[in-house]
Every structure is written in C-alpha cells, then in structure tokens.
C-alpha cells in the first residue's frame, strides 16, 4: 500500500479525493504529514473524504501514530494517519499481491452520538 504524503500546501479537497479513491480500492488508506500545517491539511482531507464516502454507507475514522521520516539526510518526526471504516466495505479491485479480503473493521469503544450523556 502506498502512503499519501500530505504537505502544508496540499489542497484538502484534492487530497480527500485521493483518500476516498485509495480507500475504495484498497479498503484502507494511509496519510503521512510532517509539521502542523501539513497535519491540519491531512485532518481536513480525512473529514472531507468522510463526506465523499458517507453516501455509500461508509463511516471512516482514523488512527494517528508518530513515524520517523528521513528528509534530506535528516530524521524528522511525522504523523501517519491510518484511515479505516467502522462498517464492512467491499473492495472494488483485488488487492495487490493476491485475493486477500480487506482487513476487518476495528471495533470502536467510542459511544455513538445517541449514547452520549450530559455531564
């Protein structure tokens, strides 16, 4: 799987299209961003991508993680966003390397909006 690299100058709507297409083809997507502006664009692109795939019954979420990246012979810390769905989704094309099914959706411990209680 290729990692979508998001820069501070990336158009959020264009990146969202790439996220949605990658998700539809592979069942998940990974984005990588270095720096606060790039992280902002990555989060916005995931939010926009949620809207792109919501009509087909898909509920996207992401998991952030730190990653070490080599840039111009210098090690930088970036953030990698793994985008998955809370609902099972058929993959449009076979995955590279075989006919493996997409990874199962991760169980969420976050309550649904109707389960939230006022404090």
PDB file of N, CA and C in Angstrom:
ATOM      1  N   UNK A   1       0.848  -1.170   0.000  1.00  0.00           N
ATOM      2  CA  UNK A   1       0.000   0.000   0.000  1.00  0.00           C
ATOM      3  C   UNK A   1       0.893   1.233   0.000  1.00  0.00           C
ATOM      4  N   UNK A   2       0.514   2.196  -0.793  1.00  0.00           N
ATOM      5  CA  UNK A   2       1.278   3.437  -0.836  1.00  0.00           C
ATOM      6  C   UNK A   2       0.748   4.405   0.220  1.00  0.00           C
ATOM      7  N   UNK A   3       1.643   5.225   0.716  1.00  0.00           N
ATOM      8  CA  UNK A   3       1.292   6.225   1.720  1.00  0.00           C
ATOM      9  C   UNK A   3       1.096   7.554   1.001  1.00  0.00           C
ATOM     10  N   UNK A   4      -0.032   8.201   1.247  1.00  0.00           N
ATOM     11  CA  UNK A   4      -0.299   9.511   0.659  1.00  0.00           C
ATOM     12  C   UNK A   4       0.440  10.554   1.486  1.00  0.00           C
ATOM     13  N   UNK A   5       1.327  11.289   0.854  1.00  0.00           N
ATOM     14  CA  UNK A   5       2.104  12.296   1.569  1.00  0.00           C
ATOM     15  C   UNK A   5       1.406  13.644   1.433  1.00  0.00           C
ATOM     16  N   UNK A   6       1.045  14.217   2.559  1.00  0.00           N
ATOM     17  CA  UNK A   6       0.306  15.472   2.596  1.00  0.00           C
ATOM     18  C   UNK A   6       1.255  16.589   3.025  1.00  0.00           C
ATOM     19  N   UNK A   7       1.295  17.650   2.245  1.00  0.00           N
ATOM     20  CA  UNK A   7       2.137  18.805   2.546  1.00  0.00           C
ATOM     21  C   UNK A   7       1.279  19.942   3.073  1.00  0.00           C
ATOM     22  N   UNK A   8       1.938  20.960   3.597  1.00  0.00           N
ATOM     23  CA  UNK A   8       1.204  22.124   4.104  1.00  0.00           C
ATOM     24  C   UNK A   8       0.484  22.843   2.971  1.00  0.00           C
ATOM     25  N   UNK A   9       0.962  22.682   1.743  1.00  0.00           N
ATOM     26  CA  UNK A   9       0.357  23.347   0.585  1.00  0.00           C
ATOM     27  C   UNK A   9      -0.646  22.467  -0.147  1.00  0.00           C
ATOM     28  N   UNK A  10      -0.884  21.243   0.349  1.00  0.00           N
ATOM     29  CA  UNK A  10      -1.831  20.335  -0.305  1.00  0.00           C
ATOM     30  C   UNK A  10      -3.247  20.885  -0.222  1.00  0.00           C
ATOM     31  N   UNK A  11      -3.982  20.771  -1.322  1.00  0.00           N
ATOM     32  CA  UNK A  11      -5.401  21.144  -1.340  1.00  0.00           C
ATOM     33  C   UNK A  11      -6.178  20.053  -0.602  1.00  0.00           C
ATOM     34  N   UNK A  12      -6.898  20.409   0.428  1.00  0.00           N
ATOM     35  CA  UNK A  12      -7.617  19.427   1.238  1.00  0.00           C
ATOM     36  C   UNK A  12      -8.636  18.646   0.409  1.00  0.00           C
ATOM     37  N   UNK A  13      -9.349  19.306  -0.501  1.00  0.00           N
ATOM     38  CA  UNK A  13     -10.362  18.596  -1.289  1.00  0.00           C
ATOM     39  C   UNK A  13      -9.729  17.626  -2.284  1.00  0.00           C
ATOM     40  N   UNK A  14      -8.583  17.982  -2.849  1.00  0.00           N
ATOM     41  CA  UNK A  14      -7.889  17.073  -3.760  1.00  0.00           C
ATOM     42  C   UNK A  14      -7.344  15.864  -3.004  1.00  0.00           C
ATOM     43  N   UNK A  15      -6.756  16.127  -1.837  1.00  0.00           N
ATOM     44  CA  UNK A  15      -6.246  15.038  -1.013  1.00  0.00           C
ATOM     45  C   UNK A  15      -7.395  14.141  -0.553  1.00  0.00           C
ATOM     46  N   UNK A  16      -8.551  14.731  -0.278  1.00  0.00           N
ATOM     47  CA  UNK A  16      -9.719  13.949   0.134  1.00  0.00           C
ATOM     48  C   UNK A  16     -10.151  12.992  -0.971  1.00  0.00           C
ATOM     49  N   UNK A  17     -10.101  13.452  -2.209  1.00  0.00           N
ATOM     50  CA  UNK A  17     -10.419  12.572  -3.330  1.00  0.00           C
ATOM     51  C   UNK A  17      -9.450  11.407  -3.406  1.00  0.00           C
ATOM     52  N   UNK A  18      -8.168  11.676  -3.165  1.00  0.00           N
ATOM     53  CA  UNK A  18      -7.171  10.610  -3.170  1.00  0.00           C
ATOM     54  C   UNK A  18      -7.412   9.637  -2.021  1.00  0.00           C
ATOM     55  N   UNK A  19      -7.774  10.152  -0.858  1.00  0.00           N
ATOM     56  CA  UNK A  19      -8.073   9.293   0.295  1.00  0.00           C
ATOM     57  C   UNK A  19      -9.272   8.404  -0.023  1.00  0.00           C
ATOM     58  N   UNK A  20     -10.346   8.995  -0.539  1.00  0.00           N
ATOM     59  CA  UNK A  20     -11.559   8.234  -0.853  1.00  0.00           C
ATOM     60  C   UNK A  20     -11.277   7.172  -1.908  1.00  0.00           C
ATOM     61  N   UNK A  21     -10.541   7.523  -2.955  1.00  0.00           N
ATOM     62  CA  UNK A  21     -10.234   6.549  -4.006  1.00  0.00           C
ATOM     63  C   UNK A  21      -9.341   5.429  -3.499  1.00  0.00           C
ATOM     64  N   UNK A  22      -8.324   5.775  -2.718  1.00  0.00           N
ATOM     65  CA  UNK A  22      -7.451   4.755  -2.149  1.00  0.00           C
ATOM     66  C   UNK A  22      -8.249   3.836  -1.239  1.00  0.00           C
ATOM     67  N   UNK A  23      -9.129   4.421  -0.429  1.00  0.00           N
ATOM     68  CA  UNK A  23      -9.957   3.614   0.464  1.00  0.00           C
ATOM     69  C   UNK A  23     -10.849   2.665  -0.331  1.00  0.00           C
ATOM     70  N   UNK A  24     -11.483   3.173  -1.376  1.00  0.00           N
ATOM     71  CA  UNK A  24     -12.372   2.328  -2.192  1.00  0.00           C
ATOM     72  C   UNK A  24     -11.609   1.186  -2.860  1.00  0.00           C
ATOM     73  N   UNK A  25     -10.382   1.450  -3.293  1.00  0.00           N
ATOM     74  CA  UNK A  25      -9.592   0.433  -3.984  1.00  0.00           C
ATOM     75  C   UNK A  25      -8.955  -0.575  -3.041  1.00  0.00           C
ATOM     76  N   UNK A  26      -8.510  -0.120  -1.864  1.00  0.00           N
ATOM     77  CA  UNK A  26      -7.718  -0.985  -1.005  1.00  0.00           C
ATOM     78  C   UNK A  26      -8.359  -1.315   0.339  1.00  0.00           C
ATOM     79  N   UNK A  27      -9.480  -0.673   0.665  1.00  0.00           N
ATOM     80  CA  UNK A  27     -10.143  -0.964   1.927  1.00  0.00           C
ATOM     81  C   UNK A  27      -9.594  -0.184   3.109  1.00  0.00           C
ATOM     82  N   UNK A  28      -8.545   0.589   2.890  1.00  0.00           N
ATOM     83  CA  UNK A  28      -7.964   1.454   3.912  1.00  0.00           C
ATOM     84  C   UNK A  28      -7.048   2.438   3.203  1.00  0.00           C
ATOM     85  N   UNK A  29      -6.630   3.477   3.903  1.00  0.00           N
ATOM     86  CA  UNK A  29      -5.703   4.455   3.334  1.00  0.00           C
ATOM     87  C   UNK A  29      -4.769   4.920   4.435  1.00  0.00           C
ATOM     88  N   UNK A  30      -3.558   5.301   4.038  1.00  0.00           N
ATOM     89  CA  UNK A  30      -2.599   5.851   4.989  1.00  0.00           C
ATOM     90  C   UNK A  30      -2.103   7.188   4.466  1.00  0.00           C
ATOM     91  N   UNK A  31      -2.083   8.177   5.353  1.00  0.00           N
ATOM     92  CA  UNK A  31      -1.579   9.506   5.025  1.00  0.00           C
ATOM     93  C   UNK A  31      -0.418   9.799   5.952  1.00  0.00           C
ATOM     94  N   UNK A  32       0.518  10.593   5.465  1.00  0.00           N
ATOM     95  CA  UNK A  32       1.661  10.988   6.276  1.00  0.00           C
ATOM     96  C   UNK A  32       1.848  12.486   6.165  1.00  0.00           C
ATOM     97  N   UNK A  33       2.090  13.140   7.292  1.00  0.00           N
ATOM     98  CA  UNK A  33       2.258  14.594   7.320  1.00  0.00           C
ATOM     99  C   UNK A  33       3.373  14.965   8.283  1.00  0.00           C
ATOM    100  N   UNK A  34       4.148  15.977   7.904  1.00  0.00           N
ATOM    101  CA  UNK A  34       5.217  16.481   8.758  1.00  0.00           C
ATOM    102  C   UNK A  34       4.970  17.970   8.959  1.00  0.00           C
ATOM    103  N   UNK A  35       4.806  18.377  10.197  1.00  0.00           N
ATOM    104  CA  UNK A  35       4.577  19.776  10.522  1.00  0.00           C
ATOM    105  C   UNK A  35       3.114  20.064  10.782  1.00  0.00           C
ATOM    106  N   UNK A  36       2.850  21.115  11.563  1.00  0.00           N
ATOM    107  CA  UNK A  36       1.474  21.414  11.969  1.00  0.00           C
ATOM    108  C   UNK A  36       0.544  21.775  10.817  1.00  0.00           C
ATOM    109  N   UNK A  37       1.017  22.501   9.826  1.00  0.00           N
ATOM    110  CA  UNK A  37       0.149  22.875   8.710  1.00  0.00           C
ATOM    111  C   UNK A  37      -0.194  21.659   7.858  1.00  0.00           C
ATOM    112  N   UNK A  38       0.768  20.777   7.674  1.00  0.00           N
ATOM    113  CA  UNK A  38       0.510  19.554   6.912  1.00  0.00           C
ATOM    114  C   UNK A  38      -0.458  18.639   7.664  1.00  0.00           C
ATOM    115  N   UNK A  39      -0.299  18.550   8.985  1.00  0.00           N
ATOM    116  CA  UNK A  39      -1.213  17.748   9.795  1.00  0.00           C
ATOM    117  C   UNK A  39      -2.626  18.321   9.694  1.00  0.00           C
ATOM    118  N   UNK A  40      -2.752  19.633   9.721  1.00  0.00           N
ATOM    119  CA  UNK A  40      -4.046  20.284   9.571  1.00  0.00           C
ATOM    120  C   UNK A  40      -4.694  19.903   8.235  1.00  0.00           C
ATOM    121  N   UNK A  41      -3.927  19.961   7.159  1.00  0.00           N
ATOM    122  CA  UNK A  41      -4.459  19.627   5.835  1.00  0.00           C
ATOM    123  C   UNK A  41      -4.855  18.150   5.778  1.00  0.00           C
ATOM    124  N   UNK A  42      -4.083  17.285   6.422  1.00  0.00           N
ATOM    125  CA  UNK A  42      -4.398  15.858   6.428  1.00  0.00           C
ATOM    126  C   UNK A  42      -5.716  15.594   7.146  1.00  0.00           C
ATOM    127  N   UNK A  43      -5.903  16.219   8.304  1.00  0.00           N
ATOM    128  CA  UNK A  43      -7.144  16.017   9.063  1.00  0.00           C
ATOM    129  C   UNK A  43      -8.337  16.563   8.286  1.00  0.00           C
ATOM    130  N   UNK A  44      -8.170  17.736   7.663  1.00  0.00           N
ATOM    131  CA  UNK A  44      -9.261  18.286   6.852  1.00  0.00           C
ATOM    132  C   UNK A  44      -9.589  17.360   5.687  1.00  0.00           C
ATOM    133  N   UNK A  45      -8.570  16.794   5.056  1.00  0.00           N
ATOM    134  CA  UNK A  45      -8.826  15.913   3.913  1.00  0.00           C
ATOM    135  C   UNK A  45      -9.571  14.650   4.341  1.00  0.00           C
ATOM    136  N   UNK A  46      -9.255  14.124   5.526  1.00  0.00           N
ATOM    137  CA  UNK A  46      -9.984  12.949   6.017  1.00  0.00           C
ATOM    138  C   UNK A  46     -11.432  13.311   6.311  1.00  0.00           C
ATOM    139  N   UNK A  47     -11.661  14.481   6.906  1.00  0.00           N
ATOM    140  CA  UNK A  47     -13.034  14.923   7.192  1.00  0.00           C
ATOM    141  C   UNK A  47     -13.835  15.071   5.902  1.00  0.00           C
ATOM    142  N   UNK A  48     -13.224  15.639   4.877  1.00  0.00           N
ATOM    143  CA  UNK A  48     -13.908  15.797   3.588  1.00  0.00           C
ATOM    144  C   UNK A  48     -14.154  14.434   2.947  1.00  0.00           C
ATOM    145  N   UNK A  49     -13.166  13.535   3.029  1.00  0.00           N
ATOM    146  CA  UNK A  49     -13.312  12.189   2.461  1.00  0.00           C
ATOM    147  C   UNK A  49     -14.456  11.429   3.127  1.00  0.00           C
ATOM    148  N   UNK A  50     -14.666  11.661   4.427  1.00  0.00           N
ATOM    149  CA  UNK A  50     -15.807  11.024   5.114  1.00  0.00           C
ATOM    150  C   UNK A  50     -17.109  11.372   4.408  1.00  0.00           C
ATOM    151  N   UNK A  51     -17.235  12.634   4.005  1.00  0.00           N
ATOM    152  CA  UNK A  51     -18.435  13.056   3.291  1.00  0.00           C
ATOM    153  C   UNK A  51     -18.544  12.410   1.924  1.00  0.00           C
ATOM    154  N   UNK A  52     -17.407  12.226   1.248  1.00  0.00           N
ATOM    155  CA  UNK A  52     -17.415  11.618  -0.082  1.00  0.00           C
ATOM    156  C   UNK A  52     -17.921  10.179  -0.049  1.00  0.00           C
ATOM    157  N   UNK A  53     -17.580   9.424   0.994  1.00  0.00           N
ATOM    158  CA  UNK A  53     -17.953   8.008   1.026  1.00  0.00           C
ATOM    159  C   UNK A  53     -19.182   7.730   1.891  1.00  0.00           C
ATOM    160  N   UNK A  54     -19.681   8.734   2.607  1.00  0.00           N
ATOM    161  CA  UNK A  54     -20.821   8.538   3.515  1.00  0.00           C
ATOM    162  C   UNK A  54     -22.076   8.094   2.779  1.00  0.00           C
ATOM    163  N   UNK A  55     -22.269   8.585   1.568  1.00  0.00           N
ATOM    164  CA  UNK A  55     -23.468   8.229   0.800  1.00  0.00           C
ATOM    165  C   UNK A  55     -23.541   6.730   0.518  1.00  0.00           C
ATOM    166  N   UNK A  56     -22.405   6.061   0.501  1.00  0.00           N
ATOM    167  CA  UNK A  56     -22.395   4.616   0.255  1.00  0.00           C
ATOM    168  C   UNK A  56     -22.423   3.826   1.570  1.00  0.00           C
ATOM    169  N   UNK A  57     -22.736   4.497   2.677  1.00  0.00           N
ATOM    170  CA  UNK A  57     -22.889   3.816   3.954  1.00  0.00           C
ATOM    171  C   UNK A  57     -21.593   3.548   4.688  1.00  0.00           C
ATOM    172  N   UNK A  58     -20.534   4.234   4.322  1.00  0.00           N
ATOM    173  CA  UNK A  58     -19.226   4.022   4.939  1.00  0.00           C
ATOM    174  C   UNK A  58     -18.985   5.100   5.988  1.00  0.00           C
ATOM    175  N   UNK A  59     -18.520   4.698   7.152  1.00  0.00           N
ATOM    176  CA  UNK A  59     -18.194   5.623   8.236  1.00  0.00           C
ATOM    177  C   UNK A  59     -16.695   5.535   8.494  1.00  0.00           C
ATOM    178  N   UNK A  60     -15.933   6.489   7.964  1.00  0.00           N
ATOM    179  CA  UNK A  60     -14.482   6.478   8.105  1.00  0.00           C
ATOM    180  C   UNK A  60     -14.045   7.006   9.465  1.00  0.00           C
ATOM    181  N   UNK A  61     -12.932   6.486   9.949  1.00  0.00           N
ATOM    182  CA  UNK A  61     -12.258   7.025  11.120  1.00  0.00           C
ATOM    183  C   UNK A  61     -10.762   6.869  10.901  1.00  0.00           C
ATOM    184  N   UNK A  62      -9.956   7.575  11.686  1.00  0.00           N
ATOM    185  CA  UNK A  62      -8.513   7.424  11.541  1.00  0.00           C
ATOM    186  C   UNK A  62      -7.847   7.201  12.884  1.00  0.00           C
ATOM    187  N   UNK A  63      -6.677   6.576  12.816  1.00  0.00           N
ATOM    188  CA  UNK A  63      -5.835   6.361  13.976  1.00  0.00           C
ATOM    189  C   UNK A  63      -4.499   7.041  13.699  1.00  0.00           C
ATOM    190  N   UNK A  64      -4.103   8.007  14.532  1.00  0.00           N
ATOM    191  CA  UNK A  64      -2.814   8.666  14.318  1.00  0.00           C
ATOM    192  C   UNK A  64      -1.682   7.914  15.019  1.00  0.00           C
ATOM    193  N   UNK A  65      -0.484   8.018  14.449  1.00  0.00           N
ATOM    194  CA  UNK A  65       0.708   7.428  15.061  1.00  0.00           C
ATOM    195  C   UNK A  65       1.920   8.240  14.641  1.00  0.00           C
ATOM    196  N   UNK A  66       2.910   8.321  15.520  1.00  0.00           N
ATOM    197  CA  UNK A  66       4.148   9.000  15.163  1.00  0.00           C
ATOM    198  C   UNK A  66       4.986   8.091  14.282  1.00  0.00           C
ATOM    199  N   UNK A  67       5.742   8.698  13.371  1.00  0.00           N
ATOM    200  CA  UNK A  67       6.611   7.947  12.470  1.00  0.00           C
ATOM    201  C   UNK A  67       7.880   8.756  12.240  1.00  0.00           C
ATOM    202  N   UNK A  68       9.015   8.080  12.166  1.00  0.00           N
ATOM    203  CA  UNK A  68      10.289   8.734  11.866  1.00  0.00           C
ATOM    204  C   UNK A  68      10.483   8.713  10.350  1.00  0.00           C
ATOM    205  N   UNK A  69      10.812   9.875   9.773  1.00  0.00           N
ATOM    206  CA  UNK A  69      10.939  10.017   8.325  1.00  0.00           C
ATOM    207  C   UNK A  69      12.289  10.646   7.992  1.00  0.00           C
ATOM    208  N   UNK A  70      12.963  10.115   6.971  1.00  0.00           N
ATOM    209  CA  UNK A  70      14.222  10.705   6.503  1.00  0.00           C
ATOM    210  C   UNK A  70      13.908  11.746   5.435  1.00  0.00           C
ATOM    211  N   UNK A  71      14.289  12.994   5.695  1.00  0.00           N
ATOM    212  CA  UNK A  71      14.088  14.081   4.746  1.00  0.00           C
ATOM    213  C   UNK A  71      15.411  14.818   4.599  1.00  0.00           C
ATOM    214  N   UNK A  72      15.996  14.784   3.405  1.00  0.00           N
ATOM    215  CA  UNK A  72      17.272  15.463   3.137  1.00  0.00           C
ATOM    216  C   UNK A  72      18.342  15.090   4.166  1.00  0.00           C
ATOM    217  N   UNK A  73      18.546  13.787   4.355  1.00  0.00           N
ATOM    218  CA  UNK A  73      19.542  13.270   5.297  1.00  0.00           C
ATOM    219  C   UNK A  73      19.313  13.731   6.734  1.00  0.00           C
ATOM    220  N   UNK A  74      18.085  14.024   7.060  1.00  0.00           N
ATOM    221  CA  UNK A  74      17.719  14.451   8.406  1.00  0.00           C
ATOM    222  C   UNK A  74      16.502  13.639   8.851  1.00  0.00           C
ATOM    223  N   UNK A  75      16.515  13.161  10.086  1.00  0.00           N
ATOM    224  CA  UNK A  75      15.378  12.409  10.613  1.00  0.00           C
ATOM    225  C   UNK A  75      14.370  13.385  11.197  1.00  0.00           C
ATOM    226  N   UNK A  76      13.143  13.303  10.708  1.00  0.00           N
ATOM    227  CA  UNK A  76      12.060  14.163  11.193  1.00  0.00           C
ATOM    228  C   UNK A  76      10.957  13.272  11.745  1.00  0.00           C
ATOM    229  N   UNK A  77      10.203  13.814  12.667  1.00  0.00           N
ATOM    230  CA  UNK A  77       9.051  13.104  13.205  1.00  0.00           C
ATOM    231  C   UNK A  77       7.810  13.584  12.480  1.00  0.00           C
ATOM    232  N   UNK A  78       7.057  12.633  11.962  1.00  0.00           N
ATOM    233  CA  UNK A  78       5.814  12.947  11.282  1.00  0.00           C
ATOM    234  C   UNK A  78       4.673  12.213  11.941  1.00  0.00           C
ATOM    235  N   UNK A  79       3.498  12.422  11.417  1.00  0.00           N
ATOM    236  CA  UNK A  79       2.316  11.701  11.907  1.00  0.00           C
ATOM    237  C   UNK A  79       1.726  10.923  10.746  1.00  0.00           C
ATOM    238  N   UNK A  80       1.455   9.662  10.990  1.00  0.00           N
ATOM    239  CA  UNK A  80       0.808   8.814   9.988  1.00  0.00           C
ATOM    240  C   UNK A  80      -0.625   8.562  10.441  1.00  0.00           C
ATOM    241  N   UNK A  81      -1.554   8.790   9.529  1.00  0.00           N
ATOM    242  CA  UNK A  81      -2.978   8.583   9.789  1.00  0.00           C
ATOM    243  C   UNK A  81      -3.413   7.332   9.031  1.00  0.00           C
ATOM    244  N   UNK A  82      -3.895   6.331   9.757  1.00  0.00           N
ATOM    245  CA  UNK A  82      -4.435   5.133   9.131  1.00  0.00           C
ATOM    246  C   UNK A  82      -5.947   5.297   9.097  1.00  0.00           C
ATOM    247  N   UNK A  83      -6.505   5.305   7.897  1.00  0.00           N
ATOM    248  CA  UNK A  83      -7.939   5.540   7.699  1.00  0.00           C
ATOM    249  C   UNK A  83      -8.616   4.209   7.412  1.00  0.00           C
ATOM    250  N   UNK A  84      -9.627   3.904   8.197  1.00  0.00           N
ATOM    251  CA  UNK A  84     -10.402   2.656   8.043  1.00  0.00           C
ATOM    252  C   UNK A  84     -11.890   2.985   8.144  1.00  0.00           C
ATOM    253  N   UNK A  85     -12.697   1.958   8.026  1.00  0.00           N
ATOM    254  CA  UNK A  85     -14.139   2.123   8.131  1.00  0.00           C
ATOM    255  C   UNK A  85     -14.673   1.363   9.333  1.00  0.00           C
ATOM    256  N   UNK A  86     -15.701   1.936   9.961  1.00  0.00           N
ATOM    257  CA  UNK A  86     -16.374   1.238  11.053  1.00  0.00           C
ATOM    258  C   UNK A  86     -17.321   0.174  10.507  1.00  0.00           C
ATOM    259  N   UNK A  87     -17.639   0.254   9.238  1.00  0.00           N
ATOM    260  CA  UNK A  87     -18.564  -0.680   8.600  1.00  0.00           C
ATOM    261  C   UNK A  87     -17.813  -1.498   7.558  1.00  0.00           C
ATOM    262  N   UNK A  88     -18.190  -2.768   7.365  1.00  0.00           N
ATOM    263  CA  UNK A  88     -17.523  -3.566   6.331  1.00  0.00           C
ATOM    264  C   UNK A  88     -17.771  -2.965   4.951  1.00  0.00           C
ATOM    265  N   UNK A  89     -16.734  -2.945   4.134  1.00  0.00           N
ATOM    266  CA  UNK A  89     -16.826  -2.343   2.807  1.00  0.00           C
ATOM    267  C   UNK A  89     -16.214  -3.284   1.785  1.00  0.00           C
ATOM    268  N   UNK A  90     -16.921  -3.562   0.684  1.00  0.00           N
ATOM    269  CA  UNK A  90     -16.288  -4.373  -0.355  1.00  0.00           C
ATOM    270  C   UNK A  90     -15.217  -3.557  -1.074  1.00  0.00           C
ATOM    271  N   UNK A  91     -14.123  -4.208  -1.412  1.00  0.00           N
ATOM    272  CA  UNK A  91     -13.040  -3.558  -2.139  1.00  0.00           C
ATOM    273  C   UNK A  91     -13.353  -3.654  -3.625  1.00  0.00           C
ATOM    274  N   UNK A  92     -13.183  -2.529  -4.362  1.00  0.00           N
ATOM    275  CA  UNK A  92     -13.524  -2.502  -5.775  1.00  0.00           C
ATOM    276  C   UNK A  92     -12.630  -3.380  -6.627  1.00  0.00           C
ATOM    277  N   UNK A  93     -11.354  -3.399  -6.320  1.00  0.00           N
ATOM    278  CA  UNK A  93     -10.397  -4.181  -7.095  1.00  0.00           C
ATOM    279  C   UNK A  93      -9.671  -5.146  -6.172  1.00  0.00           C
ATOM    280  N   UNK A  94      -9.169  -6.245  -6.717  1.00  0.00           N
ATOM    281  CA  UNK A  94      -8.373  -7.138  -5.869  1.00  0.00           C
ATOM    282  C   UNK A  94      -7.156  -6.400  -5.338  1.00  0.00           C
ATOM    283  N   UNK A  95      -6.786  -6.716  -4.122  1.00  0.00           N
ATOM    284  CA  UNK A  95      -5.617  -6.100  -3.518  1.00  0.00           C
ATOM    285  C   UNK A  95      -4.365  -6.584  -4.229  1.00  0.00           C
ATOM    286  N   UNK A  96      -3.351  -5.757  -4.239  1.00  0.00           N
ATOM    287  CA  UNK A  96      -2.083  -6.149  -4.846  1.00  0.00           C
ATOM    288  C   UNK A  96      -1.511  -7.328  -4.089  1.00  0.00           C
ATOM    289  N   UNK A  97      -1.017  -8.297  -4.843  1.00  0.00           N
ATOM    290  CA  UNK A  97      -0.367  -9.422  -4.204  1.00  0.00           C
ATOM    291  C   UNK A  97      -1.302 -10.587  -3.934  1.00  0.00           C
ATOM    292  N   UNK A  98      -2.508 -10.555  -4.434  1.00  0.00           N
ATOM    293  CA  UNK A  98      -3.399 -11.691  -4.219  1.00  0.00           C
ATOM    294  C   UNK A  98      -4.836 -11.278  -4.054  1.00  0.00           C
ATOM    295  N   UNK A  99      -5.617 -12.238  -3.622  1.00  0.00           N
ATOM    296  CA  UNK A  99      -7.051 -12.005  -3.453  1.00  0.00           C
ATOM    297  C   UNK A  99      -7.436 -11.985  -1.983  1.00  0.00           C
ATOM    298  N   UNK A 100      -6.552 -11.436  -1.137  1.00  0.00           N
ATOM    299  CA  UNK A 100      -6.880 -11.380   0.277  1.00  0.00           C
ATOM    300  C   UNK A 100      -8.040 -10.423   0.501  1.00  0.00           C
ATOM    301  N   UNK A 101      -8.906 -10.749   1.456  1.00  0.00           N
ATOM    302  CA  UNK A 101     -10.002  -9.814   1.758  1.00  0.00           C
ATOM    303  C   UNK A 101      -9.453  -8.594   2.477  1.00  0.00           C
ATOM    304  N   UNK A 102     -10.205  -7.488   2.488  1.00  0.00           N
ATOM    305  CA  UNK A 102      -9.744  -6.304   3.205  1.00  0.00           C
ATOM    306  C   UNK A 102      -9.672  -6.600   4.696  1.00  0.00           C
ATOM    307  N   UNK A 103      -8.859  -5.839   5.425  1.00  0.00           N
ATOM    308  CA  UNK A 103      -8.775  -6.070   6.868  1.00  0.00           C
ATOM    309  C   UNK A 103     -10.117  -5.794   7.523  1.00  0.00           C
ATOM    310  N   UNK A 104     -10.435  -6.529   8.596  1.00  0.00           N
ATOM    311  CA  UNK A 104     -11.729  -6.299   9.253  1.00  0.00           C
ATOM    312  C   UNK A 104     -11.748  -4.927   9.904  1.00  0.00           C
ATOM    313  N   UNK A 105     -12.934  -4.333   9.995  1.00  0.00           N
ATOM    314  CA  UNK A 105     -13.017  -3.029  10.656  1.00  0.00           C
ATOM    315  C   UNK A 105     -12.660  -3.177  12.129  1.00  0.00           C
ATOM    316  N   UNK A 106     -12.044  -2.153  12.652  1.00  0.00           N
ATOM    317  CA  UNK A 106     -11.666  -2.179  14.062  1.00  0.00           C
ATOM    318  C   UNK A 106     -12.880  -1.819  14.909  1.00  0.00           C
ATOM    319  N   UNK A 107     -13.002  -2.490  16.042  1.00  0.00           N
ATOM    320  CA  UNK A 107     -14.097  -2.191  16.958  1.00  0.00           C
ATOM    321  C   UNK A 107     -13.821  -0.848  17.637  1.00  0.00           C
ATOM    322  N   UNK A 108     -14.842  -0.061  17.783  1.00  0.00           N
ATOM    323  CA  UNK A 108     -14.687   1.249  18.400  1.00  0.00           C
ATOM    324  C   UNK A 108     -15.252   1.234  19.807  1.00  0.00           C
ATOM    325  N   UNK A 109     -14.521   1.860  20.736  1.00  0.00           N
ATOM    326  CA  UNK A 109     -15.018   1.987  22.095  1.00  0.00           C
ATOM    327  C   UNK A 109     -15.692   3.340  22.300  1.00  0.00           C
ATOM    328  N   UNK A 110     -15.757   4.147  21.245  1.00  0.00           N
ATOM    329  CA  UNK A 110     -16.382   5.457  21.333  1.00  0.00           C
ATOM    330  C   UNK A 110     -17.896   5.278  21.228  1.00  0.00           C
ATOM    331  N   UNK A 111     -18.665   5.811  22.158  1.00  0.00           N
ATOM    332  CA  UNK A 111     -20.116   5.654  22.087  1.00  0.00           C
ATOM    333  C   UNK A 111     -20.699   6.432  20.914  1.00  0.00           C
ATOM    334  N   UNK A 112     -21.786   5.918  20.384  1.00  0.00           N
ATOM    335  CA  UNK A 112     -22.491   6.626  19.315  1.00  0.00           C
ATOM    336  C   UNK A 112     -23.134   7.884  19.901  1.00  0.00           C
ATOM    337  N   UNK A 113     -23.435   8.832  19.033  1.00  0.00           N
ATOM    338  CA  UNK A 113     -23.959  10.120  19.483  1.00  0.00           C
ATOM    339  C   UNK A 113     -25.211   9.951  20.351  1.00  0.00           C
ATOM    340  N   UNK A 114     -26.069   9.002  19.982  1.00  0.00           N
ATOM    341  CA  UNK A 114     -27.296   8.835  20.765  1.00  0.00           C
ATOM    342  C   UNK A 114     -27.033   8.215  22.134  1.00  0.00           C
ATOM    343  N   UNK A 115     -25.824   7.681  22.359  1.00  0.00           N
ATOM    344  CA  UNK A 115     -25.469   7.101  23.643  1.00  0.00           C
ATOM    345  C   UNK A 115     -24.765   8.092  24.565  1.00  0.00           C
ATOM    346  N   UNK A 116     -24.416   9.259  24.050  1.00  0.00           N
ATOM    347  CA  UNK A 116     -23.723  10.252  24.854  1.00  0.00           C
ATOM    348  C   UNK A 116     -24.666  10.767  25.938  1.00  0.00           C
ATOM    349  N   UNK A 117     -24.100  11.086  27.082  1.00  0.00           N
ATOM    350  CA  UNK A 117     -24.889  11.605  28.189  1.00  0.00           C
ATOM    351  C   UNK A 117     -24.320  12.945  28.595  1.00  0.00           C
ATOM    352  N   UNK A 118     -25.190  13.832  28.987  1.00  0.00           N
ATOM    353  CA  UNK A 118     -24.735  15.128  29.501  1.00  0.00           C
ATOM    354  C   UNK A 118     -24.089  14.925  30.859  1.00  0.00           C
ATOM    355  N   UNK A 119     -23.024  15.654  31.090  1.00  0.00           N
ATOM    356  CA  UNK A 119     -22.315  15.527  32.364  1.00  0.00           C
ATOM    357  C   UNK A 119     -22.826  16.563  33.327  1.00  0.00           C
TER     358      UNK A 119
END
